[in-house]
Amino acid sequence: MELYHQVVFQMMDEPAYDFLRTKEQLGYLAYSSSFNFRGVLGGGFVIQSSKKTPEFMLQKVQEFLFLMKAQSDNLSDEDFKKGVTAVLATKRQVDMNLDSVRSRMYSDVVTHNYMFDRKEREIKILEDMISDQEHISESKEQMKQYFNDLFFNNVKLLTLQMLADKFKEQQEKESVHSQHSDASG
């Protein structure tokens, strides 16, 4: 599951930025990210905007997810292989210092997994996913199912909205102006 989670978010990384930041111009900061908090897989979208409401941004994230669903449904073997290969490249990176080794190992201690060869095992599983056509087809279908379960079938959604005081004041002024326009019209 965790590896499919990583592949899904890897494959959404650039399209999320392109759609939310470039095409929709929602704000200066727009990206997707995934996490594993004590064995609970999750992910999210971070968008910082001084002009759009949180409700509007949530609507655009949902629109993006429907676009990604259509892409997932029609995902080519080659694109799936690229996504897995990108995750593999990250996993194969050598720890640059002792702190990165400690951090990786500590996460296994905290979650009581004690699988200190996790990196090597995950690399092997990812390599197997794309080792031949049969594995590619099977793994791609499992990843599609995971994507649909994550975003459409078994959705657990938490939205966190933080509004700057300036933005709130601007929204209130626009609301008052809109009410006066409606009353005088």
N, C-alpha and C. Protein backbone atom coordinates (compact mmCIF):
# COMPACT_ATOMS: atom_id res chain seq x y z
N MET A 1 0.82 -1.20 0.00
CA MET A 1 0.00 0.00 0.00
C MET A 1 0.86 1.26 0.00
N GLU A 2 1.84 1.30 0.89
CA GLU A 2 2.65 2.50 1.04
C GLU A 2 3.38 2.86 -0.25
N LEU A 3 3.85 1.85 -0.97
CA LEU A 3 4.56 2.13 -2.21
C LEU A 3 3.60 2.64 -3.29
N TYR A 4 2.40 2.11 -3.35
CA TYR A 4 1.41 2.65 -4.29
C TYR A 4 1.09 4.09 -3.93
N HIS A 5 1.01 4.36 -2.65
CA HIS A 5 0.76 5.72 -2.16
C HIS A 5 1.86 6.66 -2.67
N GLN A 6 3.10 6.23 -2.53
CA GLN A 6 4.22 7.05 -2.98
C GLN A 6 4.20 7.25 -4.49
N VAL A 7 3.86 6.22 -5.24
CA VAL A 7 3.79 6.33 -6.70
C VAL A 7 2.67 7.29 -7.10
N VAL A 8 1.50 7.18 -6.47
CA VAL A 8 0.38 8.07 -6.78
C VAL A 8 0.79 9.52 -6.58
N PHE A 9 1.38 9.83 -5.44
CA PHE A 9 1.74 11.22 -5.17
C PHE A 9 2.91 11.69 -6.03
N GLN A 10 3.80 10.79 -6.37
CA GLN A 10 4.88 11.13 -7.29
C GLN A 10 4.30 11.53 -8.65
N MET A 11 3.33 10.76 -9.11
CA MET A 11 2.74 11.01 -10.41
C MET A 11 1.85 12.26 -10.41
N MET A 12 1.38 12.68 -9.24
CA MET A 12 0.53 13.88 -9.14
C MET A 12 1.35 15.14 -8.90
N ASP A 13 2.60 15.01 -8.53
CA ASP A 13 3.40 16.15 -8.11
C ASP A 13 3.43 17.27 -9.15
N GLU A 14 3.94 17.01 -10.31
CA GLU A 14 4.06 18.03 -11.36
C GLU A 14 2.69 18.46 -11.89
N PRO A 15 1.76 17.52 -12.17
CA PRO A 15 0.44 17.97 -12.63
C PRO A 15 -0.30 18.85 -11.61
N ALA A 16 -0.11 18.60 -10.32
CA ALA A 16 -0.77 19.42 -9.30
C ALA A 16 -0.26 20.85 -9.38
N TYR A 17 1.04 21.00 -9.46
CA TYR A 17 1.63 22.34 -9.57
C TYR A 17 1.15 23.01 -10.86
N ASP A 18 1.21 22.26 -11.95
CA ASP A 18 0.81 22.82 -13.24
C ASP A 18 -0.64 23.28 -13.23
N PHE A 19 -1.53 22.45 -12.70
CA PHE A 19 -2.95 22.79 -12.71
C PHE A 19 -3.27 23.89 -11.69
N LEU A 20 -2.86 23.70 -10.44
CA LEU A 20 -3.26 24.61 -9.37
C LEU A 20 -2.52 25.95 -9.42
N ARG A 21 -1.24 25.91 -9.74
CA ARG A 21 -0.44 27.13 -9.72
C ARG A 21 -0.41 27.81 -11.09
N THR A 22 -0.09 27.05 -12.14
CA THR A 22 0.12 27.65 -13.45
C THR A 22 -1.20 27.94 -14.18
N LYS A 23 -2.05 26.92 -14.33
CA LYS A 23 -3.28 27.10 -15.10
C LYS A 23 -4.34 27.88 -14.33
N GLU A 24 -4.61 27.48 -13.10
CA GLU A 24 -5.66 28.12 -12.31
C GLU A 24 -5.17 29.36 -11.58
N GLN A 25 -3.86 29.52 -11.46
CA GLN A 25 -3.24 30.67 -10.79
C GLN A 25 -3.88 30.95 -9.43
N LEU A 26 -3.96 29.88 -8.64
CA LEU A 26 -4.61 30.01 -7.34
C LEU A 26 -3.76 30.77 -6.33
N GLY A 27 -2.47 30.70 -6.46
CA GLY A 27 -1.63 31.40 -5.51
C GLY A 27 -0.18 31.09 -5.77
N TYR A 28 0.66 31.78 -5.01
CA TYR A 28 2.10 31.62 -5.18
C TYR A 28 2.55 30.23 -4.78
N LEU A 29 1.94 29.68 -3.78
CA LEU A 29 2.30 28.37 -3.24
C LEU A 29 1.18 27.38 -3.57
N ALA A 30 1.52 26.32 -4.30
CA ALA A 30 0.53 25.30 -4.65
C ALA A 30 1.25 23.99 -4.91
N TYR A 31 0.97 22.99 -4.07
CA TYR A 31 1.61 21.69 -4.28
C TYR A 31 0.84 20.60 -3.55
N SER A 32 1.14 19.36 -3.93
CA SER A 32 0.58 18.21 -3.23
C SER A 32 1.71 17.54 -2.46
N SER A 33 1.36 16.84 -1.41
CA SER A 33 2.38 16.12 -0.64
C SER A 33 1.73 14.91 0.02
N SER A 34 2.56 13.93 0.30
CA SER A 34 2.06 12.73 0.99
C SER A 34 2.79 12.57 2.31
N PHE A 35 2.20 11.79 3.19
CA PHE A 35 2.86 11.52 4.46
C PHE A 35 2.46 10.16 4.98
N ASN A 36 3.27 9.67 5.88
CA ASN A 36 2.99 8.44 6.60
C ASN A 36 3.22 8.77 8.06
N PHE A 37 2.15 8.96 8.79
CA PHE A 37 2.27 9.31 10.21
C PHE A 37 1.92 8.08 11.04
N ARG A 38 2.95 7.45 11.56
CA ARG A 38 2.79 6.26 12.39
C ARG A 38 1.95 5.18 11.72
N GLY A 39 2.21 4.99 10.44
CA GLY A 39 1.53 3.94 9.69
C GLY A 39 0.22 4.36 9.05
N VAL A 40 -0.19 5.60 9.27
CA VAL A 40 -1.41 6.11 8.64
C VAL A 40 -0.99 6.93 7.43
N LEU A 41 -1.39 6.45 6.25
CA LEU A 41 -1.02 7.13 5.01
C LEU A 41 -1.98 8.27 4.75
N GLY A 42 -1.44 9.36 4.29
CA GLY A 42 -2.28 10.50 3.97
C GLY A 42 -1.60 11.39 2.96
N GLY A 43 -2.28 12.42 2.63
CA GLY A 43 -1.73 13.36 1.68
C GLY A 43 -2.55 14.63 1.70
N GLY A 44 -2.04 15.61 1.01
CA GLY A 44 -2.78 16.85 1.01
C GLY A 44 -2.32 17.79 -0.07
N PHE A 45 -3.02 18.88 -0.14
CA PHE A 45 -2.71 19.95 -1.08
C PHE A 45 -2.53 21.21 -0.27
N VAL A 46 -1.47 21.92 -0.54
CA VAL A 46 -1.22 23.18 0.14
C VAL A 46 -1.32 24.28 -0.92
N ILE A 47 -2.18 25.24 -0.65
CA ILE A 47 -2.35 26.36 -1.57
C ILE A 47 -2.40 27.63 -0.73
N GLN A 48 -1.57 28.57 -1.07
CA GLN A 48 -1.57 29.85 -0.37
C GLN A 48 -1.99 30.92 -1.38
N SER A 49 -3.08 31.60 -1.07
CA SER A 49 -3.61 32.59 -2.00
C SER A 49 -4.06 33.83 -1.25
N SER A 50 -3.81 34.97 -1.84
CA SER A 50 -4.30 36.21 -1.24
C SER A 50 -5.57 36.69 -1.94
N LYS A 51 -6.03 35.94 -2.95
CA LYS A 51 -7.16 36.40 -3.73
C LYS A 51 -8.35 35.44 -3.78
N LYS A 52 -8.11 34.16 -3.55
CA LYS A 52 -9.17 33.16 -3.70
C LYS A 52 -9.63 32.67 -2.33
N THR A 53 -10.91 32.31 -2.25
CA THR A 53 -11.46 31.81 -0.99
C THR A 53 -11.06 30.34 -0.81
N PRO A 54 -11.03 29.88 0.43
CA PRO A 54 -10.74 28.46 0.67
C PRO A 54 -11.73 27.53 -0.04
N GLU A 55 -13.00 27.92 -0.08
CA GLU A 55 -14.00 27.10 -0.74
C GLU A 55 -13.71 26.97 -2.24
N PHE A 56 -13.30 28.06 -2.85
CA PHE A 56 -12.96 28.04 -4.28
C PHE A 56 -11.74 27.14 -4.51
N MET A 57 -10.75 27.26 -3.65
CA MET A 57 -9.54 26.44 -3.82
C MET A 57 -9.85 24.96 -3.62
N LEU A 58 -10.71 24.63 -2.67
CA LEU A 58 -11.11 23.23 -2.46
C LEU A 58 -11.83 22.70 -3.70
N GLN A 59 -12.67 23.52 -4.28
CA GLN A 59 -13.37 23.13 -5.52
C GLN A 59 -12.36 22.84 -6.62
N LYS A 60 -11.31 23.63 -6.72
CA LYS A 60 -10.30 23.43 -7.76
C LYS A 60 -9.46 22.17 -7.49
N VAL A 61 -9.21 21.87 -6.23
CA VAL A 61 -8.49 20.63 -5.89
C VAL A 61 -9.34 19.44 -6.31
N GLN A 62 -10.64 19.50 -6.03
CA GLN A 62 -11.53 18.41 -6.42
C GLN A 62 -11.59 18.27 -7.95
N GLU A 63 -11.60 19.39 -8.63
CA GLU A 63 -11.57 19.38 -10.10
C GLU A 63 -10.28 18.71 -10.59
N PHE A 64 -9.17 19.06 -9.96
CA PHE A 64 -7.88 18.45 -10.31
C PHE A 64 -7.92 16.94 -10.09
N LEU A 65 -8.49 16.50 -8.98
CA LEU A 65 -8.55 15.06 -8.70
C LEU A 65 -9.38 14.32 -9.75
N PHE A 66 -10.45 14.94 -10.24
CA PHE A 66 -11.23 14.30 -11.30
C PHE A 66 -10.43 14.22 -12.60
N LEU A 67 -9.62 15.24 -12.87
CA LEU A 67 -8.74 15.18 -14.04
C LEU A 67 -7.71 14.06 -13.89
N MET A 68 -7.17 13.93 -12.67
CA MET A 68 -6.19 12.87 -12.42
C MET A 68 -6.84 11.49 -12.50
N LYS A 69 -8.10 11.39 -12.11
CA LYS A 69 -8.81 10.11 -12.22
C LYS A 69 -8.92 9.70 -13.68
N ALA A 70 -9.27 10.66 -14.53
CA ALA A 70 -9.37 10.37 -15.97
C ALA A 70 -8.01 9.94 -16.52
N GLN A 71 -6.95 10.60 -16.08
CA GLN A 71 -5.60 10.21 -16.52
C GLN A 71 -5.24 8.83 -15.98
N SER A 72 -5.60 8.58 -14.73
CA SER A 72 -5.30 7.28 -14.12
C SER A 72 -6.03 6.16 -14.86
N ASP A 73 -7.28 6.40 -15.21
CA ASP A 73 -8.06 5.39 -15.92
C ASP A 73 -7.44 5.04 -17.27
N ASN A 74 -6.75 5.99 -17.88
CA ASN A 74 -6.15 5.78 -19.20
C ASN A 74 -4.62 5.74 -19.14
N LEU A 75 -4.07 5.43 -18.00
CA LEU A 75 -2.63 5.44 -17.80
C LEU A 75 -1.94 4.40 -18.66
N SER A 76 -0.94 4.84 -19.40
CA SER A 76 -0.18 3.91 -20.23
C SER A 76 0.83 3.16 -19.36
N ASP A 77 1.27 2.02 -19.86
CA ASP A 77 2.29 1.26 -19.15
C ASP A 77 3.57 2.09 -19.00
N GLU A 78 3.89 2.84 -20.04
CA GLU A 78 5.11 3.66 -20.03
C GLU A 78 5.05 4.74 -18.95
N ASP A 79 3.89 5.41 -18.83
CA ASP A 79 3.74 6.45 -17.80
C ASP A 79 3.77 5.85 -16.39
N PHE A 80 3.17 4.68 -16.24
CA PHE A 80 3.23 4.00 -14.95
C PHE A 80 4.68 3.67 -14.61
N LYS A 81 5.38 3.15 -15.58
CA LYS A 81 6.79 2.78 -15.38
C LYS A 81 7.63 4.01 -15.00
N LYS A 82 7.35 5.16 -15.62
CA LYS A 82 8.06 6.39 -15.30
C LYS A 82 7.81 6.81 -13.84
N GLY A 83 6.56 6.68 -13.40
CA GLY A 83 6.23 7.03 -12.02
C GLY A 83 6.94 6.14 -11.02
N VAL A 84 6.96 4.84 -11.28
CA VAL A 84 7.64 3.90 -10.39
C VAL A 84 9.14 4.15 -10.42
N THR A 85 9.68 4.41 -11.59
CA THR A 85 11.12 4.68 -11.73
C THR A 85 11.52 5.93 -10.96
N ALA A 86 10.66 6.94 -10.94
CA ALA A 86 10.95 8.16 -10.18
C ALA A 86 11.02 7.87 -8.68
N VAL A 87 10.09 7.05 -8.18
CA VAL A 87 10.12 6.67 -6.77
C VAL A 87 11.37 5.84 -6.49
N LEU A 88 11.70 4.95 -7.42
CA LEU A 88 12.91 4.13 -7.28
C LEU A 88 14.16 5.01 -7.17
N ALA A 89 14.24 6.03 -7.99
CA ALA A 89 15.40 6.93 -7.97
C ALA A 89 15.56 7.58 -6.60
N THR A 90 14.44 7.97 -6.02
CA THR A 90 14.48 8.57 -4.68
C THR A 90 14.94 7.55 -3.64
N LYS A 91 14.42 6.34 -3.73
CA LYS A 91 14.78 5.29 -2.77
C LYS A 91 16.25 4.92 -2.87
N ARG A 92 16.80 4.99 -4.08
CA ARG A 92 18.20 4.59 -4.30
C ARG A 92 19.21 5.65 -3.88
N GLN A 93 18.74 6.82 -3.52
CA GLN A 93 19.66 7.88 -3.11
C GLN A 93 20.40 7.45 -1.85
N VAL A 94 21.68 7.70 -1.87
CA VAL A 94 22.53 7.34 -0.74
C VAL A 94 22.33 8.35 0.38
N ASP A 95 22.26 7.85 1.61
CA ASP A 95 22.17 8.76 2.76
C ASP A 95 23.42 9.62 2.78
N MET A 96 23.21 10.93 2.87
CA MET A 96 24.33 11.87 2.78
C MET A 96 25.08 12.04 4.10
N ASN A 97 24.41 11.73 5.19
CA ASN A 97 25.08 11.87 6.48
C ASN A 97 24.42 10.94 7.49
N LEU A 98 25.01 10.88 8.65
CA LEU A 98 24.52 9.99 9.69
C LEU A 98 23.12 10.38 10.17
N ASP A 99 22.82 11.68 10.14
CA ASP A 99 21.50 12.12 10.60
C ASP A 99 20.39 11.58 9.70
N SER A 100 20.63 11.51 8.40
CA SER A 100 19.58 10.97 7.53
C SER A 100 19.37 9.48 7.77
N VAL A 101 20.43 8.75 8.11
CA VAL A 101 20.29 7.33 8.47
C VAL A 101 19.50 7.22 9.77
N ARG A 102 19.86 8.04 10.75
CA ARG A 102 19.18 8.03 12.04
C ARG A 102 17.70 8.34 11.87
N SER A 103 17.39 9.34 11.06
CA SER A 103 16.00 9.73 10.85
C SER A 103 15.20 8.59 10.22
N ARG A 104 15.77 7.95 9.22
CA ARG A 104 15.09 6.84 8.54
C ARG A 104 14.87 5.68 9.51
N MET A 105 15.87 5.35 10.28
CA MET A 105 15.77 4.23 11.22
C MET A 105 14.82 4.57 12.38
N TYR A 106 14.87 5.82 12.83
CA TYR A 106 14.04 6.23 13.96
C TYR A 106 12.56 6.12 13.63
N SER A 107 12.19 6.39 12.37
CA SER A 107 10.78 6.27 12.01
C SER A 107 10.30 4.83 12.17
N ASP A 108 11.16 3.85 11.94
CA ASP A 108 10.78 2.45 12.16
C ASP A 108 10.66 2.14 13.65
N VAL A 109 11.48 2.77 14.46
CA VAL A 109 11.41 2.55 15.90
C VAL A 109 10.11 3.15 16.45
N VAL A 110 9.81 4.37 16.05
CA VAL A 110 8.61 5.06 16.54
C VAL A 110 7.34 4.30 16.17
N THR A 111 7.32 3.72 14.97
CA THR A 111 6.12 3.01 14.52
C THR A 111 6.13 1.54 14.92
N HIS A 112 7.16 1.12 15.64
CA HIS A 112 7.30 -0.26 16.11
C HIS A 112 7.37 -1.27 14.97
N ASN A 113 7.93 -0.84 13.85
CA ASN A 113 8.07 -1.75 12.70
C ASN A 113 9.38 -2.51 12.73
N TYR A 114 10.43 -1.88 13.17
CA TYR A 114 11.75 -2.49 13.30
C TYR A 114 12.20 -3.19 12.02
N MET A 115 11.88 -2.60 10.89
CA MET A 115 12.30 -3.15 9.60
C MET A 115 13.43 -2.24 9.08
N PHE A 116 14.62 -2.48 9.59
CA PHE A 116 15.73 -1.59 9.31
C PHE A 116 16.31 -1.78 7.91
N ASP A 117 15.83 -2.77 7.20
CA ASP A 117 16.22 -2.94 5.80
C ASP A 117 15.06 -2.56 4.87
N ARG A 118 14.19 -1.69 5.36
CA ARG A 118 13.01 -1.25 4.61
C ARG A 118 13.39 -0.71 3.24
N LYS A 119 14.40 0.13 3.19
CA LYS A 119 14.81 0.76 1.94
C LYS A 119 15.14 -0.30 0.88
N GLU A 120 15.90 -1.30 1.24
CA GLU A 120 16.29 -2.35 0.31
C GLU A 120 15.08 -3.18 -0.12
N ARG A 121 14.20 -3.47 0.83
CA ARG A 121 12.98 -4.24 0.51
C ARG A 121 12.08 -3.46 -0.45
N GLU A 122 11.91 -2.17 -0.19
CA GLU A 122 11.06 -1.35 -1.04
C GLU A 122 11.63 -1.22 -2.44
N ILE A 123 12.93 -1.09 -2.55
CA ILE A 123 13.57 -1.04 -3.86
C ILE A 123 13.28 -2.32 -4.63
N LYS A 124 13.40 -3.46 -3.97
CA LYS A 124 13.14 -4.76 -4.62
C LYS A 124 11.68 -4.84 -5.10
N ILE A 125 10.75 -4.43 -4.26
CA ILE A 125 9.32 -4.47 -4.63
C ILE A 125 9.06 -3.56 -5.82
N LEU A 126 9.61 -2.35 -5.79
CA LEU A 126 9.42 -1.41 -6.90
C LEU A 126 10.03 -1.96 -8.19
N GLU A 127 11.20 -2.56 -8.10
CA GLU A 127 11.82 -3.17 -9.28
C GLU A 127 10.95 -4.29 -9.83
N ASP A 128 10.38 -5.09 -8.93
CA ASP A 128 9.50 -6.18 -9.36
C ASP A 128 8.24 -5.66 -10.06
N MET A 129 7.73 -4.51 -9.61
CA MET A 129 6.53 -3.94 -10.22
C MET A 129 6.70 -3.69 -11.71
N ILE A 130 7.91 -3.36 -12.11
CA ILE A 130 8.14 -2.99 -13.51
C ILE A 130 9.09 -3.96 -14.21
N SER A 131 9.25 -5.16 -13.65
CA SER A 131 10.23 -6.11 -14.18
C SER A 131 9.81 -6.72 -15.52
N ASP A 132 8.53 -6.92 -15.73
CA ASP A 132 8.06 -7.47 -17.00
C ASP A 132 6.62 -7.02 -17.22
N GLN A 133 6.10 -7.31 -18.41
CA GLN A 133 4.77 -6.82 -18.79
C GLN A 133 3.67 -7.30 -17.84
N GLU A 134 3.75 -8.54 -17.40
CA GLU A 134 2.73 -9.07 -16.49
C GLU A 134 2.71 -8.29 -15.17
N HIS A 135 3.90 -8.03 -14.62
CA HIS A 135 3.97 -7.28 -13.37
C HIS A 135 3.52 -5.83 -13.57
N ILE A 136 3.89 -5.25 -14.70
CA ILE A 136 3.48 -3.86 -14.97
C ILE A 136 1.96 -3.77 -15.01
N SER A 137 1.32 -4.66 -15.76
CA SER A 137 -0.15 -4.62 -15.88
C SER A 137 -0.82 -4.82 -14.54
N GLU A 138 -0.37 -5.80 -13.78
CA GLU A 138 -0.97 -6.08 -12.47
C GLU A 138 -0.75 -4.93 -11.49
N SER A 139 0.46 -4.42 -11.43
CA SER A 139 0.79 -3.32 -10.50
C SER A 139 0.06 -2.04 -10.88
N LYS A 140 -0.05 -1.78 -12.17
CA LYS A 140 -0.74 -0.58 -12.64
C LYS A 140 -2.22 -0.64 -12.22
N GLU A 141 -2.85 -1.79 -12.37
CA GLU A 141 -4.25 -1.92 -11.98
C GLU A 141 -4.42 -1.75 -10.47
N GLN A 142 -3.49 -2.28 -9.69
CA GLN A 142 -3.56 -2.13 -8.23
C GLN A 142 -3.36 -0.66 -7.83
N MET A 143 -2.47 0.04 -8.53
CA MET A 143 -2.25 1.45 -8.24
C MET A 143 -3.49 2.27 -8.60
N LYS A 144 -4.14 1.96 -9.72
CA LYS A 144 -5.37 2.65 -10.10
C LYS A 144 -6.45 2.45 -9.04
N GLN A 145 -6.57 1.22 -8.55
CA GLN A 145 -7.56 0.92 -7.52
C GLN A 145 -7.23 1.69 -6.24
N TYR A 146 -5.95 1.75 -5.91
CA TYR A 146 -5.54 2.50 -4.72
C TYR A 146 -5.90 3.98 -4.88
N PHE A 147 -5.61 4.55 -6.03
CA PHE A 147 -5.94 5.95 -6.30
C PHE A 147 -7.44 6.20 -6.12
N ASN A 148 -8.26 5.34 -6.71
CA ASN A 148 -9.72 5.50 -6.61
C ASN A 148 -10.19 5.36 -5.17
N ASP A 149 -9.65 4.39 -4.44
CA ASP A 149 -10.01 4.23 -3.03
C ASP A 149 -9.61 5.45 -2.22
N LEU A 150 -8.41 5.96 -2.47
CA LEU A 150 -7.89 7.08 -1.69
C LEU A 150 -8.70 8.36 -1.90
N PHE A 151 -9.05 8.66 -3.14
CA PHE A 151 -9.67 9.95 -3.44
C PHE A 151 -11.16 9.90 -3.74
N PHE A 152 -11.72 8.71 -3.98
CA PHE A 152 -13.12 8.67 -4.39
C PHE A 152 -13.98 7.67 -3.63
N ASN A 153 -13.45 6.53 -3.25
CA ASN A 153 -14.27 5.48 -2.63
C ASN A 153 -14.29 5.54 -1.11
N ASN A 154 -13.14 5.70 -0.50
CA ASN A 154 -13.03 5.67 0.97
C ASN A 154 -12.47 7.00 1.48
N VAL A 155 -13.07 8.07 1.07
CA VAL A 155 -12.53 9.40 1.34
C VAL A 155 -12.73 9.80 2.79
N LYS A 156 -11.65 10.22 3.38
CA LYS A 156 -11.68 10.86 4.70
C LYS A 156 -11.00 12.20 4.49
N LEU A 157 -11.76 13.26 4.63
CA LEU A 157 -11.29 14.58 4.25
C LEU A 157 -11.25 15.51 5.46
N LEU A 158 -10.14 16.18 5.60
CA LEU A 158 -9.99 17.23 6.61
C LEU A 158 -9.48 18.46 5.89
N THR A 159 -10.18 19.56 6.00
CA THR A 159 -9.68 20.79 5.40
C THR A 159 -9.27 21.73 6.51
N LEU A 160 -8.14 22.32 6.33
CA LEU A 160 -7.63 23.29 7.28
C LEU A 160 -7.51 24.61 6.53
N GLN A 161 -8.21 25.62 7.01
CA GLN A 161 -8.22 26.90 6.33
C GLN A 161 -7.72 27.97 7.29
N MET A 162 -6.72 28.68 6.84
CA MET A 162 -6.19 29.79 7.64
C MET A 162 -6.34 31.05 6.81
N LEU A 163 -6.99 32.03 7.38
CA LEU A 163 -7.21 33.28 6.66
C LEU A 163 -6.45 34.40 7.34
N ALA A 164 -5.72 35.16 6.56
CA ALA A 164 -5.02 36.33 7.08
C ALA A 164 -6.05 37.40 7.41
N ASP A 165 -5.76 38.22 8.42
CA ASP A 165 -6.68 39.28 8.80
C ASP A 165 -7.00 40.20 7.63
N LYS A 166 -5.98 40.51 6.80
CA LYS A 166 -6.19 41.37 5.64
C LYS A 166 -7.19 40.75 4.67
N PHE A 167 -7.08 39.46 4.48
CA PHE A 167 -7.99 38.77 3.56
C PHE A 167 -9.41 38.80 4.11
N LYS A 168 -9.56 38.57 5.42
CA LYS A 168 -10.89 38.61 6.04
C LYS A 168 -11.52 40.00 5.86
N GLU A 169 -10.72 41.05 6.11
CA GLU A 169 -11.22 42.41 5.97
C GLU A 169 -11.65 42.68 4.53
N GLN A 170 -10.85 42.22 3.58
CA GLN A 170 -11.17 42.40 2.16
C GLN A 170 -12.47 41.67 1.82
N GLN A 171 -12.65 40.46 2.32
CA GLN A 171 -13.87 39.69 2.07
C GLN A 171 -15.09 40.40 2.67
N GLU A 172 -14.93 40.95 3.87
CA GLU A 172 -16.03 41.65 4.52
C GLU A 172 -16.42 42.91 3.73
N LYS A 173 -15.42 43.65 3.26
CA LYS A 173 -15.69 44.86 2.46
C LYS A 173 -16.43 44.49 1.18
N GLU A 174 -15.98 43.42 0.52
CA GLU A 174 -16.63 42.99 -0.72
C GLU A 174 -18.06 42.54 -0.45
N SER A 175 -18.28 41.89 0.68
CA SER A 175 -19.62 41.43 1.05
C SER A 175 -20.54 42.62 1.30
N VAL A 176 -20.04 43.61 2.04
CA VAL A 176 -20.83 44.82 2.33
C VAL A 176 -21.12 45.56 1.03
N HIS A 177 -20.11 45.71 0.17
CA HIS A 177 -20.29 46.39 -1.11
C HIS A 177 -21.32 45.66 -1.97
N SER A 178 -21.27 44.34 -1.96
CA SER A 178 -22.21 43.52 -2.73
C SER A 178 -23.63 43.70 -2.21
N GLN A 179 -23.79 43.77 -0.88
CA GLN A 179 -25.12 43.94 -0.29
C GLN A 179 -25.69 45.31 -0.64
N HIS A 180 -24.82 46.36 -0.63
CA HIS A 180 -25.29 47.71 -0.99
C HIS A 180 -25.68 47.76 -2.46
N SER A 181 -24.94 47.07 -3.31
CA SER A 181 -25.24 47.06 -4.74
C SER A 181 -26.58 46.36 -4.98
N ASP A 182 -26.81 45.26 -4.26
CA ASP A 182 -28.07 44.53 -4.40
C ASP A 182 -29.25 45.36 -3.92
N ALA A 183 -29.08 46.08 -2.83
CA ALA A 183 -30.16 46.89 -2.25
C ALA A 183 -30.49 48.11 -3.11
N SER A 184 -29.49 48.70 -3.76
CA SER A 184 -29.74 49.89 -4.57
C SER A 184 -30.17 49.57 -5.99
N GLY A 185 -30.00 48.30 -6.40
CA GLY A 185 -30.28 47.88 -7.78
C GLY A 185 -31.69 47.63 -7.97
